PDB file of N, CA and C in Angstrom:
ATOM      1  N   MET A   1       0.847  -1.163   0.000  1.00  0.00           N
ATOM      2  CA  MET A   1       0.000   0.000   0.000  1.00  0.00           C
ATOM      3  C   MET A   1       0.903   1.240   0.000  1.00  0.00           C
ATOM      4  N   THR A   2       0.579   2.188  -0.816  1.00  0.00           N
ATOM      5  CA  THR A   2       1.366   3.409  -0.928  1.00  0.00           C
ATOM      6  C   THR A   2       0.841   4.465   0.045  1.00  0.00           C
ATOM      7  N   PRO A   3       1.730   5.001   0.901  1.00  0.00           N
ATOM      8  CA  PRO A   3       1.284   6.050   1.825  1.00  0.00           C
ATOM      9  C   PRO A   3       0.919   7.316   1.060  1.00  0.00           C
ATOM     10  N   ILE A   4      -0.123   7.985   1.548  1.00  0.00           N
ATOM     11  CA  ILE A   4      -0.596   9.196   0.861  1.00  0.00           C
ATOM     12  C   ILE A   4      -0.360  10.440   1.727  1.00  0.00           C
ATOM     13  N   THR A   5      -0.829  10.418   2.960  1.00  0.00           N
ATOM     14  CA  THR A   5      -0.704  11.595   3.819  1.00  0.00           C
ATOM     15  C   THR A   5       0.684  11.645   4.448  1.00  0.00           C
ATOM     16  N   ARG A   6       1.026  12.790   4.983  1.00  0.00           N
ATOM     17  CA  ARG A   6       2.320  12.934   5.662  1.00  0.00           C
ATOM     18  C   ARG A   6       2.421  11.955   6.825  1.00  0.00           C
ATOM     19  N   LYS A   7       1.337  11.828   7.591  1.00  0.00           N
ATOM     20  CA  LYS A   7       1.344  10.903   8.724  1.00  0.00           C
ATOM     21  C   LYS A   7       1.598   9.481   8.231  1.00  0.00           C
ATOM     22  N   GLU A   8       0.954   9.086   7.140  1.00  0.00           N
ATOM     23  CA  GLU A   8       1.164   7.750   6.587  1.00  0.00           C
ATOM     24  C   GLU A   8       2.606   7.563   6.135  1.00  0.00           C
ATOM     25  N   ILE A   9       3.219   8.603   5.591  1.00  0.00           N
ATOM     26  CA  ILE A   9       4.617   8.511   5.169  1.00  0.00           C
ATOM     27  C   ILE A   9       5.514   8.276   6.379  1.00  0.00           C
ATOM     28  N   TYR A  10       5.273   9.001   7.472  1.00  0.00           N
ATOM     29  CA  TYR A  10       6.060   8.795   8.689  1.00  0.00           C
ATOM     30  C   TYR A  10       5.862   7.383   9.225  1.00  0.00           C
ATOM     31  N   LEU A  11       4.613   6.924   9.285  1.00  0.00           N
ATOM     32  CA  LEU A  11       4.331   5.587   9.803  1.00  0.00           C
ATOM     33  C   LEU A  11       4.924   4.508   8.903  1.00  0.00           C
ATOM     34  N   SER A  12       4.813   4.678   7.609  1.00  0.00           N
ATOM     35  CA  SER A  12       5.374   3.722   6.667  1.00  0.00           C
ATOM     36  C   SER A  12       6.892   3.645   6.804  1.00  0.00           C
ATOM     37  N   THR A  13       7.514   4.790   7.002  1.00  0.00           N
ATOM     38  CA  THR A  13       8.964   4.831   7.192  1.00  0.00           C
ATOM     39  C   THR A  13       9.362   4.084   8.462  1.00  0.00           C
ATOM     40  N   ALA A  14       8.602   4.270   9.531  1.00  0.00           N
ATOM     41  CA  ALA A  14       8.896   3.579  10.788  1.00  0.00           C
ATOM     42  C   ALA A  14       8.775   2.081  10.621  1.00  0.00           C
ATOM     43  N   VAL A  15       7.753   1.634   9.934  1.00  0.00           N
ATOM     44  CA  VAL A  15       7.517   0.203   9.743  1.00  0.00           C
ATOM     45  C   VAL A  15       8.574  -0.422   8.843  1.00  0.00           C
ATOM     46  N   SER A  16       8.933   0.269   7.783  1.00  0.00           N
ATOM     47  CA  SER A  16       9.873  -0.301   6.808  1.00  0.00           C
ATOM     48  C   SER A  16      11.329  -0.190   7.240  1.00  0.00           C
ATOM     49  N   GLY A  17      11.606   0.705   8.189  1.00  0.00           N
ATOM     50  CA  GLY A  17      12.992   0.896   8.614  1.00  0.00           C
ATOM     51  C   GLY A  17      13.802   1.710   7.631  1.00  0.00           C
ATOM     52  N   SER A  18      13.143   2.357   6.701  1.00  0.00           N
ATOM     53  CA  SER A  18      13.857   3.178   5.724  1.00  0.00           C
ATOM     54  C   SER A  18      14.016   4.597   6.256  1.00  0.00           C
ATOM     55  N   GLU A  19      14.570   5.457   5.426  1.00  0.00           N
ATOM     56  CA  GLU A  19      14.744   6.858   5.812  1.00  0.00           C
ATOM     57  C   GLU A  19      13.598   7.680   5.246  1.00  0.00           C
ATOM     58  N   LEU A  20      13.294   8.768   5.939  1.00  0.00           N
ATOM     59  CA  LEU A  20      12.264   9.671   5.441  1.00  0.00           C
ATOM     60  C   LEU A  20      12.698  10.256   4.103  1.00  0.00           C
ATOM     61  N   PRO A  21      11.762  10.466   3.190  1.00  0.00           N
ATOM     62  CA  PRO A  21      12.119  11.099   1.916  1.00  0.00           C
ATOM     63  C   PRO A  21      12.670  12.508   2.148  1.00  0.00           C
ATOM     64  N   ALA A  22      13.487  12.964   1.236  1.00  0.00           N
ATOM     65  CA  ALA A  22      14.050  14.307   1.333  1.00  0.00           C
ATOM     66  C   ALA A  22      12.916  15.326   1.398  1.00  0.00           C
ATOM     67  N   GLY A  23      13.094  16.316   2.244  1.00  0.00           N
ATOM     68  CA  GLY A  23      12.107  17.371   2.372  1.00  0.00           C
ATOM     69  C   GLY A  23      10.975  17.061   3.333  1.00  0.00           C
ATOM     70  N   MET A  24      11.041  15.916   4.006  1.00  0.00           N
ATOM     71  CA  MET A  24       9.980  15.536   4.941  1.00  0.00           C
ATOM     72  C   MET A  24      10.367  15.927   6.369  1.00  0.00           C
ATOM     73  N   ASP A  25      10.766  17.167   6.541  1.00  0.00           N
ATOM     74  CA  ASP A  25      11.086  17.653   7.875  1.00  0.00           C
ATOM     75  C   ASP A  25       9.794  17.746   8.683  1.00  0.00           C
ATOM     76  N   PRO A  26       9.849  17.374   9.967  1.00  0.00           N
ATOM     77  CA  PRO A  26       8.639  17.415  10.786  1.00  0.00           C
ATOM     78  C   PRO A  26       8.076  18.833  10.888  1.00  0.00           C
ATOM     79  N   VAL A  27       6.751  18.928  10.788  1.00  0.00           N
ATOM     80  CA  VAL A  27       6.075  20.214  10.880  1.00  0.00           C
ATOM     81  C   VAL A  27       5.231  20.265  12.145  1.00  0.00           C
ATOM     82  N   THR A  28       4.447  19.240  12.367  1.00  0.00           N
ATOM     83  CA  THR A  28       3.551  19.210  13.522  1.00  0.00           C
ATOM     84  C   THR A  28       4.226  18.546  14.713  1.00  0.00           C
ATOM     85  N   ARG A  29       3.623  18.702  15.878  1.00  0.00           N
ATOM     86  CA  ARG A  29       4.140  18.027  17.073  1.00  0.00           C
ATOM     87  C   ARG A  29       4.134  16.513  16.862  1.00  0.00           C
ATOM     88  N   GLU A  30       3.066  16.022  16.262  1.00  0.00           N
ATOM     89  CA  GLU A  30       2.959  14.588  16.009  1.00  0.00           C
ATOM     90  C   GLU A  30       4.091  14.110  15.103  1.00  0.00           C
ATOM     91  N   GLU A  31       4.412  14.865  14.079  1.00  0.00           N
ATOM     92  CA  GLU A  31       5.501  14.498  13.177  1.00  0.00           C
ATOM     93  C   GLU A  31       6.850  14.517  13.889  1.00  0.00           C
ATOM     94  N   HIS A  32       7.032  15.445  14.808  1.00  0.00           N
ATOM     95  CA  HIS A  32       8.280  15.477  15.584  1.00  0.00           C
ATOM     96  C   HIS A  32       8.423  14.199  16.407  1.00  0.00           C
ATOM     97  N   PHE A  33       7.326  13.772  17.046  1.00  0.00           N
ATOM     98  CA  PHE A  33       7.365  12.529  17.818  1.00  0.00           C
ATOM     99  C   PHE A  33       7.623  11.331  16.909  1.00  0.00           C
ATOM    100  N   LEU A  34       6.972  11.302  15.760  1.00  0.00           N
ATOM    101  CA  LEU A  34       7.183  10.196  14.824  1.00  0.00           C
ATOM    102  C   LEU A  34       8.617  10.176  14.300  1.00  0.00           C
ATOM    103  N   ALA A  35       9.190  11.347  14.047  1.00  0.00           N
ATOM    104  CA  ALA A  35      10.578  11.419  13.580  1.00  0.00           C
ATOM    105  C   ALA A  35      11.532  10.893  14.653  1.00  0.00           C
ATOM    106  N   GLU A  36      11.271  11.211  15.903  1.00  0.00           N
ATOM    107  CA  GLU A  36      12.095  10.680  16.996  1.00  0.00           C
ATOM    108  C   GLU A  36      11.963   9.167  17.085  1.00  0.00           C
ATOM    109  N   LEU A  37      10.763   8.670  16.923  1.00  0.00           N
ATOM    110  CA  LEU A  37      10.526   7.231  16.947  1.00  0.00           C
ATOM    111  C   LEU A  37      11.290   6.545  15.818  1.00  0.00           C
ATOM    112  N   ILE A  38      11.242   7.118  14.630  1.00  0.00           N
ATOM    113  CA  ILE A  38      11.975   6.557  13.490  1.00  0.00           C
ATOM    114  C   ILE A  38      13.466   6.516  13.781  1.00  0.00           C
ATOM    115  N   ALA A  39      14.002   7.565  14.369  1.00  0.00           N
ATOM    116  CA  ALA A  39      15.433   7.615  14.700  1.00  0.00           C
ATOM    117  C   ALA A  39      15.793   6.540  15.724  1.00  0.00           C
ATOM    118  N   LYS A  40      14.937   6.328  16.717  1.00  0.00           N
ATOM    119  CA  LYS A  40      15.215   5.308  17.729  1.00  0.00           C
ATOM    120  C   LYS A  40      15.129   3.910  17.139  1.00  0.00           C
ATOM    121  N   ILE A  41      14.154   3.687  16.273  1.00  0.00           N
ATOM    122  CA  ILE A  41      14.025   2.384  15.634  1.00  0.00           C
ATOM    123  C   ILE A  41      15.252   2.101  14.778  1.00  0.00           C
ATOM    124  N   ALA A  42      15.742   3.095  14.076  1.00  0.00           N
ATOM    125  CA  ALA A  42      16.924   2.922  13.231  1.00  0.00           C
ATOM    126  C   ALA A  42      18.129   2.508  14.068  1.00  0.00           C
ATOM    127  N   GLY A  43      18.249   3.041  15.280  1.00  0.00           N
ATOM    128  CA  GLY A  43      19.363   2.685  16.152  1.00  0.00           C
ATOM    129  C   GLY A  43      19.269   1.271  16.698  1.00  0.00           C
ATOM    130  N   ILE A  44      18.068   0.751  16.809  1.00  0.00           N
ATOM    131  CA  ILE A  44      17.872  -0.599  17.321  1.00  0.00           C
ATOM    132  C   ILE A  44      18.369  -1.630  16.321  1.00  0.00           C
ATOM    133  N   ALA A  45      18.220  -1.351  15.065  1.00  0.00           N
ATOM    134  CA  ALA A  45      18.569  -2.308  14.025  1.00  0.00           C
ATOM    135  C   ALA A  45      20.068  -2.571  13.934  1.00  0.00           C
ATOM    136  N   ASP A  46      20.882  -1.677  14.427  1.00  0.00           N
ATOM    137  CA  ASP A  46      22.328  -1.806  14.280  1.00  0.00           C
ATOM    138  C   ASP A  46      23.041  -1.792  15.628  1.00  0.00           C
ATOM    139  N   PRO A  47      22.906  -2.885  16.405  1.00  0.00           N
ATOM    140  CA  PRO A  47      23.614  -2.897  17.692  1.00  0.00           C
ATOM    141  C   PRO A  47      25.124  -2.965  17.469  1.00  0.00           C
ATOM    142  N   THR A  48      25.850  -2.408  18.414  1.00  0.00           N
ATOM    143  CA  THR A  48      27.315  -2.490  18.334  1.00  0.00           C
ATOM    144  C   THR A  48      27.754  -3.884  18.755  1.00  0.00           C
ATOM    145  N   GLN A  49      28.977  -4.237  18.414  1.00  0.00           N
ATOM    146  CA  GLN A  49      29.521  -5.535  18.814  1.00  0.00           C
ATOM    147  C   GLN A  49      29.526  -5.657  20.337  1.00  0.00           C
ATOM    148  N   GLU A  50      29.810  -4.561  21.018  1.00  0.00           N
ATOM    149  CA  GLU A  50      29.818  -4.564  22.484  1.00  0.00           C
ATOM    150  C   GLU A  50      28.422  -4.874  23.037  1.00  0.00           C
ATOM    151  N   GLN A  51      27.391  -4.299  22.433  1.00  0.00           N
ATOM    152  CA  GLN A  51      26.023  -4.568  22.879  1.00  0.00           C
ATOM    153  C   GLN A  51      25.643  -6.030  22.652  1.00  0.00           C
ATOM    154  N   VAL A  52      26.046  -6.579  21.515  1.00  0.00           N
ATOM    155  CA  VAL A  52      25.763  -7.984  21.227  1.00  0.00           C
ATOM    156  C   VAL A  52      26.480  -8.882  22.217  1.00  0.00           C
ATOM    157  N   THR A  53      27.752  -8.607  22.456  1.00  0.00           N
ATOM    158  CA  THR A  53      28.532  -9.407  23.396  1.00  0.00           C
ATOM    159  C   THR A  53      27.934  -9.349  24.790  1.00  0.00           C
ATOM    160  N   THR A  54      27.556  -8.176  25.232  1.00  0.00           N
ATOM    161  CA  THR A  54      26.943  -8.014  26.559  1.00  0.00           C
ATOM    162  C   THR A  54      25.645  -8.800  26.655  1.00  0.00           C
ATOM    163  N   ALA A  55      24.811  -8.719  25.621  1.00  0.00           N
ATOM    164  CA  ALA A  55      23.529  -9.427  25.628  1.00  0.00           C
ATOM    165  C   ALA A  55      23.728 -10.943  25.635  1.00  0.00           C
ATOM    166  N   VAL A  56      24.652 -11.427  24.829  1.00  0.00           N
ATOM    167  CA  VAL A  56      24.917 -12.868  24.776  1.00  0.00           C
ATOM    168  C   VAL A  56      25.467 -13.354  26.105  1.00  0.00           C
ATOM    169  N   ASN A  57      26.420 -12.631  26.665  1.00  0.00           N
ATOM    170  CA  ASN A  57      26.993 -13.030  27.953  1.00  0.00           C
ATOM    171  C   ASN A  57      25.937 -13.041  29.056  1.00  0.00           C
ATOM    172  N   ALA A  58      25.055 -12.053  29.064  1.00  0.00           N
ATOM    173  CA  ALA A  58      23.991 -12.002  30.067  1.00  0.00           C
ATOM    174  C   ALA A  58      23.051 -13.192  29.907  1.00  0.00           C
ATOM    175  N   TYR A  59      22.707 -13.530  28.669  1.00  0.00           N
ATOM    176  CA  TYR A  59      21.825 -14.672  28.417  1.00  0.00           C
ATOM    177  C   TYR A  59      22.484 -15.971  28.884  1.00  0.00           C
ATOM    178  N   LEU A  60      23.740 -16.154  28.514  1.00  0.00           N
ATOM    179  CA  LEU A  60      24.444 -17.377  28.898  1.00  0.00           C
ATOM    180  C   LEU A  60      24.545 -17.503  30.415  1.00  0.00           C
ATOM    181  N   GLU A  61      24.866 -16.406  31.078  1.00  0.00           N
ATOM    182  CA  GLU A  61      24.976 -16.425  32.534  1.00  0.00           C
ATOM    183  C   GLU A  61      23.621 -16.724  33.179  1.00  0.00           C
ATOM    184  N   GLU A  62      22.582 -16.098  32.669  1.00  0.00           N
ATOM    185  CA  GLU A  62      21.241 -16.282  33.217  1.00  0.00           C
ATOM    186  C   GLU A  62      20.754 -17.726  33.051  1.00  0.00           C
ATOM    187  N   HIS A  63      21.195 -18.389  32.000  1.00  0.00           N
ATOM    188  CA  HIS A  63      20.746 -19.752  31.723  1.00  0.00           C
ATOM    189  C   HIS A  63      21.769 -20.812  32.104  1.00  0.00           C
ATOM    190  N   GLY A  64      22.780 -20.422  32.843  1.00  0.00           N
ATOM    191  CA  GLY A  64      23.744 -21.379  33.376  1.00  0.00           C
ATOM    192  C   GLY A  64      24.646 -22.035  32.351  1.00  0.00           C
ATOM    193  N   VAL A  65      24.890 -21.365  31.248  1.00  0.00           N
ATOM    194  CA  VAL A  65      25.793 -21.889  30.231  1.00  0.00           C
ATOM    195  C   VAL A  65      27.153 -21.264  30.471  1.00  0.00           C
ATOM    196  N   ALA A  66      28.165 -22.111  30.617  1.00  0.00           N
ATOM    197  CA  ALA A  66      29.486 -21.595  30.970  1.00  0.00           C
ATOM    198  C   ALA A  66      30.500 -21.856  29.860  1.00  0.00           C
ATOM    199  N   PHE A  67      31.068 -20.794  29.349  1.00  0.00           N
ATOM    200  CA  PHE A  67      32.197 -20.851  28.426  1.00  0.00           C
ATOM    201  C   PHE A  67      33.246 -19.901  28.984  1.00  0.00           C
ATOM    202  N   ASN A  68      34.496 -20.249  28.783  1.00  0.00           N
ATOM    203  CA  ASN A  68      35.551 -19.373  29.278  1.00  0.00           C
ATOM    204  C   ASN A  68      35.876 -18.244  28.307  1.00  0.00           C
ATOM    205  N   THR A  69      35.810 -18.522  27.029  1.00  0.00           N
ATOM    206  CA  THR A  69      36.191 -17.506  26.052  1.00  0.00           C
ATOM    207  C   THR A  69      35.241 -17.530  24.863  1.00  0.00           C
ATOM    208  N   SER A  70      35.259 -16.458  24.094  1.00  0.00           N
ATOM    209  CA  SER A  70      34.433 -16.419  22.889  1.00  0.00           C
ATOM    210  C   SER A  70      34.932 -17.427  21.853  1.00  0.00           C
ATOM    211  N   GLU A  71      36.216 -17.767  21.908  1.00  0.00           N
ATOM    212  CA  GLU A  71      36.761 -18.771  20.993  1.00  0.00           C
ATOM    213  C   GLU A  71      36.115 -20.134  21.256  1.00  0.00           C
ATOM    214  N   GLU A  72      35.850 -20.436  22.525  1.00  0.00           N
ATOM    215  CA  GLU A  72      35.194 -21.705  22.858  1.00  0.00           C
ATOM    216  C   GLU A  72      33.766 -21.732  22.321  1.00  0.00           C
ATOM    217  N   ILE A  73      33.086 -20.601  22.393  1.00  0.00           N
ATOM    218  CA  ILE A  73      31.726 -20.525  21.849  1.00  0.00           C
ATOM    219  C   ILE A  73      31.763 -20.766  20.345  1.00  0.00           C
ATOM    220  N   THR A  74      32.686 -20.117  19.661  1.00  0.00           N
ATOM    221  CA  THR A  74      32.822 -20.272  18.230  1.00  0.00           C
ATOM    222  C   THR A  74      33.137 -21.724  17.883  1.00  0.00           C
ATOM    223  N   GLU A  75      34.003 -22.343  18.647  1.00  0.00           N
ATOM    224  CA  GLU A  75      34.384 -23.735  18.414  1.00  0.00           C
ATOM    225  C   GLU A  75      33.166 -24.652  18.554  1.00  0.00           C
ATOM    226  N   VAL A  76      32.348 -24.420  19.558  1.00  0.00           N
ATOM    227  CA  VAL A  76      31.149 -25.244  19.760  1.00  0.00           C
ATOM    228  C   VAL A  76      30.161 -25.019  18.618  1.00  0.00           C
ATOM    229  N   LEU A  77      29.947 -23.773  18.215  1.00  0.00           N
ATOM    230  CA  LEU A  77      28.983 -23.472  17.163  1.00  0.00           C
ATOM    231  C   LEU A  77      29.424 -23.987  15.808  1.00  0.00           C
ATOM    232  N   GLU A  78      30.696 -23.922  15.534  1.00  0.00           N
ATOM    233  CA  GLU A  78      31.205 -24.324  14.228  1.00  0.00           C
ATOM    234  C   GLU A  78      31.593 -25.801  14.175  1.00  0.00           C
ATOM    235  N   GLY A  79      31.606 -26.437  15.320  1.00  0.00           N
ATOM    236  CA  GLY A  79      31.892 -27.876  15.363  1.00  0.00           C
ATOM    237  C   GLY A  79      33.331 -28.125  15.356  1.00  0.00           C
TER     238      GLY A  79
END
């Protein structure tokens, strides 16, 4: 479905994870909030290696899985 209104363009951008078209600077308060939401969603899609490592280590610790090094994890995963 092709977005028609400005609000639909902002919502479509948030859902698709794409960037707002050129010239779509927020005008209304609602558009400012939607633009902030789009920016936050974009940041979620690209975690840093440190964030991934922290999340994996927390999961492993929480579930009682013990590895000494990341090399051991790689060795287990790759066989």
